[in-house]
Amino acid sequence: MSKRRRYWLMKSEPDAFSIDDLERVGTEPWDGVRNYQARNFMRDGMKVGDGVLFYHSNTKVPGIAGIASVASTAYPDESQFDPDSHYYDPKATREEPRWQLVDIRFERKLRRVIPLEEIKAHAEELGEEFALIRRGNRLSVFPVASDQYEFLLSLE
C-alpha cells in the first residue's frame, strides 16, 4: 500500500530567500521557523517527496512563485543553538531541541507568479478553509489539499 502524497505551502520573503535562490542552490534547509504549529507540520506531517508551493510573501506582489518538494525528514534546526543567529532560542538544548526543519528541493519556477489577489478571487473554488486566504492566518507553513494544489497550478 503506497502512502498518498501530501502538499504544502511554504512562505518565504524573497529578499531573504527566493525561488531563484532555491533554483541556484538546488536543496536548502527550511530554517528559522519559530511557530509551533508550522514546526509540527514539518516535524509530524511532511514526508520526503511531498509537494510544496513556494510562496513569496512580504513583497510588492505576493504570490506562488514556484514548486519544490520535501527532500528530507525533519531534523533539528541548528540555528536554535547559535547565540549569534537571529533564530537563537536559549531554551533549546541538543538533548531537547525545540525547533525542527526539513530540506526543500527545487522543482521549477512557475511561468508567472500567481498573485495573492488572484488566489483570493478564487476563494469559492478553494474553500473557506484554505489557510492562505483565511482571515488572521499568519502561518508560514501549512497543508494544502490535493484538489487545492491542482487548482492553484491550473491558474499558471
N, C-alpha and C. Protein backbone atom coordinates (compact mmCIF):
# COMPACT_ATOMS: atom_id res chain seq x y z
N MET A 1 0.84 -1.18 0.00
CA MET A 1 0.00 0.00 0.00
C MET A 1 0.89 1.24 0.00
N SER A 2 0.71 2.12 -0.98
CA SER A 2 1.55 3.31 -1.05
C SER A 2 0.89 4.45 -0.30
N LYS A 3 1.71 5.30 0.28
CA LYS A 3 1.21 6.46 1.00
C LYS A 3 0.84 7.54 0.00
N ARG A 4 -0.24 8.23 0.27
CA ARG A 4 -0.67 9.33 -0.57
C ARG A 4 0.26 10.52 -0.39
N ARG A 5 0.65 11.13 -1.49
CA ARG A 5 1.50 12.31 -1.43
C ARG A 5 0.70 13.47 -0.83
N ARG A 6 1.35 14.25 0.01
CA ARG A 6 0.72 15.41 0.62
C ARG A 6 1.31 16.67 -0.01
N TYR A 7 0.61 17.78 0.20
CA TYR A 7 1.04 19.06 -0.37
C TYR A 7 1.04 20.13 0.71
N TRP A 8 1.91 21.11 0.51
CA TRP A 8 2.14 22.16 1.49
C TRP A 8 2.34 23.49 0.78
N LEU A 9 2.09 24.58 1.50
CA LEU A 9 2.50 25.90 1.04
C LEU A 9 3.50 26.41 2.06
N MET A 10 4.64 26.90 1.55
CA MET A 10 5.69 27.44 2.41
C MET A 10 6.01 28.85 1.95
N LYS A 11 5.94 29.78 2.90
CA LYS A 11 6.17 31.20 2.60
C LYS A 11 7.61 31.58 2.88
N SER A 12 8.15 32.41 2.00
CA SER A 12 9.47 32.98 2.21
C SER A 12 9.48 34.40 1.67
N GLU A 13 10.17 35.28 2.36
CA GLU A 13 10.33 36.63 1.85
C GLU A 13 11.43 36.59 0.80
N PRO A 14 11.14 37.02 -0.44
CA PRO A 14 12.15 36.89 -1.50
C PRO A 14 13.44 37.66 -1.24
N ASP A 15 13.38 38.72 -0.41
CA ASP A 15 14.61 39.42 -0.05
C ASP A 15 15.53 38.54 0.80
N ALA A 16 14.93 37.61 1.55
CA ALA A 16 15.70 36.71 2.40
C ALA A 16 16.08 35.43 1.65
N PHE A 17 15.09 34.81 0.97
CA PHE A 17 15.34 33.58 0.22
C PHE A 17 14.21 33.41 -0.79
N SER A 18 14.53 33.46 -2.06
CA SER A 18 13.53 33.43 -3.12
C SER A 18 13.56 32.09 -3.87
N ILE A 19 12.61 31.92 -4.77
CA ILE A 19 12.60 30.74 -5.63
C ILE A 19 13.86 30.73 -6.50
N ASP A 20 14.36 31.90 -6.88
CA ASP A 20 15.62 31.97 -7.65
C ASP A 20 16.79 31.45 -6.82
N ASP A 21 16.80 31.78 -5.52
CA ASP A 21 17.85 31.26 -4.64
C ASP A 21 17.77 29.74 -4.53
N LEU A 22 16.54 29.23 -4.40
CA LEU A 22 16.38 27.78 -4.30
C LEU A 22 16.82 27.11 -5.60
N GLU A 23 16.49 27.72 -6.73
CA GLU A 23 16.93 27.16 -8.02
C GLU A 23 18.46 27.11 -8.08
N ARG A 24 19.11 28.16 -7.58
CA ARG A 24 20.58 28.25 -7.62
C ARG A 24 21.23 27.17 -6.74
N VAL A 25 20.70 26.96 -5.53
CA VAL A 25 21.33 26.02 -4.60
C VAL A 25 20.80 24.59 -4.74
N GLY A 26 19.61 24.43 -5.31
CA GLY A 26 19.06 23.09 -5.51
C GLY A 26 18.26 22.58 -4.34
N THR A 27 18.91 22.46 -3.19
CA THR A 27 18.26 21.98 -1.97
C THR A 27 18.71 22.87 -0.81
N GLU A 28 17.78 23.19 0.08
CA GLU A 28 18.07 24.11 1.18
C GLU A 28 17.31 23.71 2.43
N PRO A 29 17.97 23.79 3.61
CA PRO A 29 17.22 23.59 4.87
C PRO A 29 16.25 24.76 5.08
N TRP A 30 15.01 24.45 5.45
CA TRP A 30 13.99 25.48 5.67
C TRP A 30 14.07 25.90 7.14
N ASP A 31 15.07 26.71 7.45
CA ASP A 31 15.35 27.05 8.84
C ASP A 31 14.62 28.31 9.29
N GLY A 32 14.66 28.55 10.58
CA GLY A 32 14.13 29.78 11.15
C GLY A 32 12.65 29.78 11.45
N VAL A 33 11.96 28.67 11.27
CA VAL A 33 10.53 28.62 11.59
C VAL A 33 10.41 28.62 13.12
N ARG A 34 9.69 29.61 13.65
CA ARG A 34 9.53 29.73 15.10
C ARG A 34 8.07 29.85 15.49
N ASN A 35 7.27 29.02 14.89
CA ASN A 35 5.85 28.90 15.22
C ASN A 35 5.61 27.41 15.46
N TYR A 36 5.03 27.07 16.60
CA TYR A 36 4.89 25.66 16.96
C TYR A 36 4.01 24.89 15.97
N GLN A 37 2.93 25.49 15.50
CA GLN A 37 2.06 24.77 14.56
C GLN A 37 2.79 24.51 13.25
N ALA A 38 3.51 25.51 12.72
CA ALA A 38 4.28 25.31 11.49
C ALA A 38 5.37 24.26 11.71
N ARG A 39 6.03 24.32 12.87
CA ARG A 39 7.04 23.30 13.19
C ARG A 39 6.43 21.92 13.21
N ASN A 40 5.26 21.79 13.81
CA ASN A 40 4.61 20.49 13.90
C ASN A 40 4.25 19.94 12.52
N PHE A 41 3.83 20.84 11.61
CA PHE A 41 3.56 20.39 10.24
C PHE A 41 4.82 19.79 9.63
N MET A 42 5.96 20.46 9.82
CA MET A 42 7.21 19.95 9.25
C MET A 42 7.64 18.67 9.95
N ARG A 43 7.57 18.66 11.27
CA ARG A 43 8.04 17.53 12.06
C ARG A 43 7.15 16.30 11.91
N ASP A 44 5.84 16.51 11.97
CA ASP A 44 4.92 15.38 12.06
C ASP A 44 4.20 15.04 10.75
N GLY A 45 4.11 16.01 9.84
CA GLY A 45 3.31 15.81 8.65
C GLY A 45 4.08 15.60 7.37
N MET A 46 5.20 16.28 7.24
CA MET A 46 5.92 16.24 5.97
C MET A 46 6.69 14.95 5.77
N LYS A 47 6.62 14.47 4.54
CA LYS A 47 7.36 13.27 4.14
C LYS A 47 8.16 13.59 2.89
N VAL A 48 9.28 12.89 2.72
CA VAL A 48 10.10 13.08 1.54
C VAL A 48 9.24 12.85 0.30
N GLY A 49 9.33 13.77 -0.65
CA GLY A 49 8.57 13.67 -1.89
C GLY A 49 7.28 14.48 -1.90
N ASP A 50 6.85 14.97 -0.74
CA ASP A 50 5.65 15.81 -0.70
C ASP A 50 5.87 17.05 -1.56
N GLY A 51 4.79 17.55 -2.15
CA GLY A 51 4.85 18.74 -3.00
C GLY A 51 4.75 20.01 -2.19
N VAL A 52 5.44 21.06 -2.65
CA VAL A 52 5.47 22.34 -1.95
C VAL A 52 5.18 23.47 -2.95
N LEU A 53 4.21 24.31 -2.60
CA LEU A 53 4.00 25.56 -3.32
C LEU A 53 4.90 26.60 -2.64
N PHE A 54 5.83 27.16 -3.40
CA PHE A 54 6.80 28.12 -2.86
C PHE A 54 6.19 29.51 -3.03
N TYR A 55 5.89 30.15 -1.91
CA TYR A 55 5.14 31.41 -1.89
C TYR A 55 6.04 32.57 -1.49
N HIS A 56 6.06 33.63 -2.29
CA HIS A 56 6.78 34.85 -1.94
C HIS A 56 5.86 35.75 -1.12
N SER A 57 6.27 36.07 0.10
CA SER A 57 5.47 36.93 0.97
C SER A 57 6.21 38.24 1.22
N ASN A 58 5.50 39.19 1.78
CA ASN A 58 6.08 40.49 2.15
C ASN A 58 6.86 41.11 0.99
N THR A 59 6.22 41.16 -0.15
CA THR A 59 6.81 41.73 -1.35
C THR A 59 5.72 42.49 -2.10
N LYS A 60 6.09 43.26 -3.10
CA LYS A 60 5.14 44.10 -3.83
C LYS A 60 3.96 43.28 -4.36
N VAL A 61 4.25 42.14 -4.97
CA VAL A 61 3.19 41.25 -5.45
C VAL A 61 3.39 39.88 -4.81
N PRO A 62 2.80 39.66 -3.63
CA PRO A 62 2.94 38.34 -3.01
C PRO A 62 2.19 37.29 -3.83
N GLY A 63 2.75 36.08 -3.86
CA GLY A 63 2.08 35.01 -4.59
C GLY A 63 2.93 33.77 -4.72
N ILE A 64 2.36 32.77 -5.37
CA ILE A 64 3.05 31.49 -5.56
C ILE A 64 4.01 31.64 -6.73
N ALA A 65 5.30 31.41 -6.47
CA ALA A 65 6.35 31.66 -7.45
C ALA A 65 6.94 30.38 -8.04
N GLY A 66 6.76 29.25 -7.36
CA GLY A 66 7.38 28.03 -7.85
C GLY A 66 6.90 26.80 -7.12
N ILE A 67 7.50 25.69 -7.53
CA ILE A 67 7.18 24.39 -6.94
C ILE A 67 8.49 23.77 -6.43
N ALA A 68 8.39 23.18 -5.26
CA ALA A 68 9.52 22.48 -4.66
C ALA A 68 8.99 21.15 -4.12
N SER A 69 9.88 20.38 -3.52
CA SER A 69 9.46 19.15 -2.87
C SER A 69 10.23 18.98 -1.57
N VAL A 70 9.64 18.23 -0.66
CA VAL A 70 10.30 17.93 0.61
C VAL A 70 11.41 16.92 0.31
N ALA A 71 12.63 17.25 0.75
CA ALA A 71 13.79 16.43 0.41
C ALA A 71 14.39 15.68 1.60
N SER A 72 13.84 15.88 2.79
CA SER A 72 14.36 15.16 3.97
C SER A 72 13.25 15.02 4.99
N THR A 73 13.44 14.12 5.92
CA THR A 73 12.57 14.09 7.09
C THR A 73 13.04 15.21 8.01
N ALA A 74 12.22 15.53 9.00
CA ALA A 74 12.54 16.63 9.91
C ALA A 74 13.76 16.29 10.78
N TYR A 75 14.54 17.33 11.05
CA TYR A 75 15.69 17.20 11.95
C TYR A 75 15.89 18.55 12.64
N PRO A 76 16.68 18.58 13.74
CA PRO A 76 16.82 19.83 14.50
C PRO A 76 17.40 20.97 13.66
N ASP A 77 16.79 22.16 13.84
CA ASP A 77 17.25 23.39 13.19
C ASP A 77 18.47 23.88 13.97
N GLU A 78 19.63 23.86 13.35
CA GLU A 78 20.89 24.24 14.02
C GLU A 78 20.88 25.69 14.49
N SER A 79 20.13 26.56 13.83
CA SER A 79 20.15 27.98 14.20
C SER A 79 19.65 28.22 15.63
N GLN A 80 18.85 27.29 16.16
CA GLN A 80 18.35 27.47 17.53
C GLN A 80 19.46 27.40 18.57
N PHE A 81 20.59 26.78 18.23
CA PHE A 81 21.70 26.60 19.17
C PHE A 81 22.77 27.69 19.05
N ASP A 82 22.68 28.53 18.04
CA ASP A 82 23.72 29.52 17.73
C ASP A 82 23.37 30.88 18.33
N PRO A 83 24.09 31.31 19.39
CA PRO A 83 23.78 32.59 20.03
C PRO A 83 23.92 33.79 19.09
N ASP A 84 24.65 33.64 18.01
CA ASP A 84 24.80 34.74 17.05
C ASP A 84 23.71 34.76 15.99
N SER A 85 22.84 33.75 15.99
CA SER A 85 21.78 33.66 14.99
C SER A 85 20.55 34.46 15.42
N HIS A 86 19.90 35.05 14.45
CA HIS A 86 18.62 35.73 14.67
C HIS A 86 17.58 34.74 15.20
N TYR A 87 17.77 33.45 14.93
CA TYR A 87 16.81 32.41 15.31
C TYR A 87 17.22 31.64 16.56
N TYR A 88 18.21 32.15 17.29
CA TYR A 88 18.68 31.51 18.51
C TYR A 88 17.54 31.38 19.52
N ASP A 89 17.48 30.23 20.19
CA ASP A 89 16.50 30.00 21.24
C ASP A 89 17.23 29.50 22.48
N PRO A 90 17.39 30.34 23.50
CA PRO A 90 18.17 29.95 24.68
C PRO A 90 17.56 28.78 25.45
N LYS A 91 16.27 28.47 25.22
CA LYS A 91 15.64 27.34 25.92
C LYS A 91 15.86 26.02 25.19
N ALA A 92 16.39 26.07 23.98
CA ALA A 92 16.62 24.84 23.21
C ALA A 92 17.95 24.21 23.63
N THR A 93 17.95 22.89 23.74
CA THR A 93 19.19 22.17 24.02
C THR A 93 19.35 21.07 22.98
N ARG A 94 20.58 20.59 22.82
CA ARG A 94 20.81 19.49 21.88
C ARG A 94 20.05 18.24 22.32
N GLU A 95 19.93 18.05 23.64
CA GLU A 95 19.20 16.89 24.16
C GLU A 95 17.69 17.03 23.90
N GLU A 96 17.20 18.28 23.96
CA GLU A 96 15.78 18.53 23.73
C GLU A 96 15.61 19.75 22.83
N PRO A 97 15.87 19.55 21.53
CA PRO A 97 15.69 20.68 20.60
C PRO A 97 14.22 21.06 20.52
N ARG A 98 13.96 22.36 20.36
CA ARG A 98 12.59 22.85 20.27
C ARG A 98 12.13 22.99 18.82
N TRP A 99 13.07 23.21 17.91
CA TRP A 99 12.73 23.58 16.54
C TRP A 99 13.28 22.59 15.53
N GLN A 100 12.43 22.21 14.60
CA GLN A 100 12.77 21.24 13.56
C GLN A 100 12.66 21.91 12.19
N LEU A 101 13.31 21.32 11.21
CA LEU A 101 13.20 21.79 9.84
C LEU A 101 13.25 20.61 8.90
N VAL A 102 12.92 20.87 7.64
CA VAL A 102 13.09 19.89 6.58
C VAL A 102 13.90 20.56 5.48
N ASP A 103 14.52 19.75 4.63
CA ASP A 103 15.18 20.28 3.44
C ASP A 103 14.14 20.35 2.32
N ILE A 104 14.26 21.40 1.51
CA ILE A 104 13.36 21.62 0.39
C ILE A 104 14.19 21.59 -0.90
N ARG A 105 13.67 20.88 -1.92
CA ARG A 105 14.36 20.74 -3.20
C ARG A 105 13.60 21.50 -4.29
N PHE A 106 14.34 22.25 -5.09
CA PHE A 106 13.76 22.99 -6.21
C PHE A 106 13.20 22.03 -7.25
N GLU A 107 11.99 22.33 -7.73
CA GLU A 107 11.40 21.58 -8.84
C GLU A 107 11.34 22.47 -10.09
N ARG A 108 10.61 23.60 -9.97
CA ARG A 108 10.57 24.54 -11.10
C ARG A 108 9.95 25.86 -10.67
N LYS A 109 10.29 26.90 -11.41
CA LYS A 109 9.63 28.18 -11.24
C LYS A 109 8.35 28.14 -12.07
N LEU A 110 7.33 28.84 -11.62
CA LEU A 110 6.12 28.94 -12.42
C LEU A 110 6.37 29.92 -13.57
N ARG A 111 5.60 29.77 -14.64
CA ARG A 111 5.74 30.67 -15.78
C ARG A 111 5.43 32.10 -15.37
N ARG A 112 4.59 32.24 -14.35
CA ARG A 112 4.29 33.56 -13.79
C ARG A 112 3.96 33.37 -12.31
N VAL A 113 4.18 34.40 -11.53
CA VAL A 113 3.75 34.36 -10.13
C VAL A 113 2.24 34.42 -10.11
N ILE A 114 1.61 33.54 -9.34
CA ILE A 114 0.16 33.58 -9.16
C ILE A 114 -0.09 34.48 -7.96
N PRO A 115 -0.56 35.72 -8.22
CA PRO A 115 -0.66 36.69 -7.13
C PRO A 115 -1.74 36.37 -6.12
N LEU A 116 -1.51 36.80 -4.89
CA LEU A 116 -2.46 36.58 -3.80
C LEU A 116 -3.83 37.14 -4.16
N GLU A 117 -3.89 38.30 -4.80
CA GLU A 117 -5.19 38.88 -5.16
C GLU A 117 -5.97 37.95 -6.08
N GLU A 118 -5.28 37.31 -7.02
CA GLU A 118 -5.95 36.36 -7.91
C GLU A 118 -6.41 35.12 -7.14
N ILE A 119 -5.57 34.66 -6.22
CA ILE A 119 -5.93 33.50 -5.40
C ILE A 119 -7.18 33.81 -4.58
N LYS A 120 -7.22 35.01 -3.99
CA LYS A 120 -8.40 35.42 -3.20
C LYS A 120 -9.66 35.46 -4.07
N ALA A 121 -9.50 35.80 -5.33
CA ALA A 121 -10.66 35.87 -6.24
C ALA A 121 -11.26 34.48 -6.49
N HIS A 122 -10.52 33.44 -6.16
CA HIS A 122 -10.99 32.06 -6.34
C HIS A 122 -11.31 31.39 -5.00
N ALA A 123 -11.70 32.20 -4.02
CA ALA A 123 -11.99 31.67 -2.69
C ALA A 123 -13.06 30.59 -2.73
N GLU A 124 -14.06 30.77 -3.59
CA GLU A 124 -15.15 29.79 -3.67
C GLU A 124 -14.63 28.43 -4.12
N GLU A 125 -13.75 28.42 -5.13
CA GLU A 125 -13.20 27.15 -5.63
C GLU A 125 -12.24 26.52 -4.62
N LEU A 126 -11.50 27.35 -3.89
CA LEU A 126 -10.50 26.84 -2.95
C LEU A 126 -11.13 26.43 -1.62
N GLY A 127 -12.25 27.02 -1.26
CA GLY A 127 -12.90 26.70 0.00
C GLY A 127 -12.47 27.65 1.10
N GLU A 128 -13.37 27.90 2.01
CA GLU A 128 -13.11 28.83 3.11
C GLU A 128 -11.99 28.36 4.03
N GLU A 129 -11.76 27.06 4.05
CA GLU A 129 -10.74 26.52 4.96
C GLU A 129 -9.32 26.70 4.43
N PHE A 130 -9.18 27.20 3.19
CA PHE A 130 -7.84 27.37 2.62
C PHE A 130 -7.09 28.44 3.42
N ALA A 131 -6.04 28.04 4.12
CA ALA A 131 -5.37 28.88 5.12
C ALA A 131 -4.82 30.18 4.55
N LEU A 132 -4.36 30.19 3.31
CA LEU A 132 -3.75 31.39 2.76
C LEU A 132 -4.73 32.56 2.71
N ILE A 133 -5.99 32.28 2.50
CA ILE A 133 -6.97 33.36 2.36
C ILE A 133 -7.89 33.49 3.57
N ARG A 134 -7.68 32.67 4.57
CA ARG A 134 -8.47 32.76 5.80
C ARG A 134 -7.99 33.95 6.63
N ARG A 135 -8.89 34.76 7.10
CA ARG A 135 -8.51 35.94 7.89
C ARG A 135 -7.72 35.53 9.13
N GLY A 136 -6.68 36.31 9.40
CA GLY A 136 -5.90 36.10 10.62
C GLY A 136 -4.83 35.04 10.52
N ASN A 137 -4.74 34.32 9.38
CA ASN A 137 -3.72 33.29 9.26
C ASN A 137 -2.35 33.91 9.00
N ARG A 138 -1.39 33.58 9.84
CA ARG A 138 -0.03 34.10 9.67
C ARG A 138 0.98 32.96 9.52
N LEU A 139 0.51 31.74 9.40
CA LEU A 139 1.43 30.61 9.32
C LEU A 139 2.29 30.66 8.06
N SER A 140 3.55 30.30 8.21
CA SER A 140 4.47 30.28 7.07
C SER A 140 4.54 28.90 6.42
N VAL A 141 3.98 27.91 7.07
CA VAL A 141 3.96 26.53 6.56
C VAL A 141 2.60 25.95 6.90
N PHE A 142 1.88 25.43 5.89
CA PHE A 142 0.60 24.80 6.19
C PHE A 142 0.23 23.83 5.07
N PRO A 143 -0.65 22.86 5.40
CA PRO A 143 -1.05 21.87 4.41
C PRO A 143 -2.00 22.45 3.37
N VAL A 144 -1.95 21.86 2.17
CA VAL A 144 -2.82 22.22 1.06
C VAL A 144 -3.44 20.92 0.56
N ALA A 145 -4.74 20.89 0.42
CA ALA A 145 -5.41 19.69 -0.09
C ALA A 145 -5.01 19.47 -1.55
N SER A 146 -5.03 18.21 -1.99
CA SER A 146 -4.59 17.90 -3.35
C SER A 146 -5.43 18.62 -4.40
N ASP A 147 -6.74 18.76 -4.18
CA ASP A 147 -7.56 19.46 -5.16
C ASP A 147 -7.24 20.96 -5.18
N GLN A 148 -6.90 21.53 -4.03
CA GLN A 148 -6.48 22.94 -3.97
C GLN A 148 -5.15 23.13 -4.70
N TYR A 149 -4.23 22.20 -4.47
CA TYR A 149 -2.92 22.24 -5.12
C TYR A 149 -3.09 22.23 -6.64
N GLU A 150 -3.86 21.29 -7.14
CA GLU A 150 -4.09 21.17 -8.59
C GLU A 150 -4.79 22.41 -9.14
N PHE A 151 -5.78 22.92 -8.40
CA PHE A 151 -6.47 24.13 -8.87
C PHE A 151 -5.51 25.31 -8.95
N LEU A 152 -4.70 25.52 -7.92
CA LEU A 152 -3.77 26.64 -7.92
C LEU A 152 -2.79 26.54 -9.10
N LEU A 153 -2.29 25.34 -9.37
CA LEU A 153 -1.38 25.17 -10.51
C LEU A 153 -2.09 25.40 -11.83
N SER A 154 -3.39 25.16 -11.89
CA SER A 154 -4.13 25.38 -13.12
C SER A 154 -4.22 26.88 -13.45
N LEU A 155 -4.00 27.74 -12.47
CA LEU A 155 -4.03 29.19 -12.69
C LEU A 155 -2.77 29.70 -13.40
N GLU A 156 -1.75 28.89 -13.40
CA GLU A 156 -0.48 29.28 -14.01
C GLU A 156 -0.68 29.66 -15.46
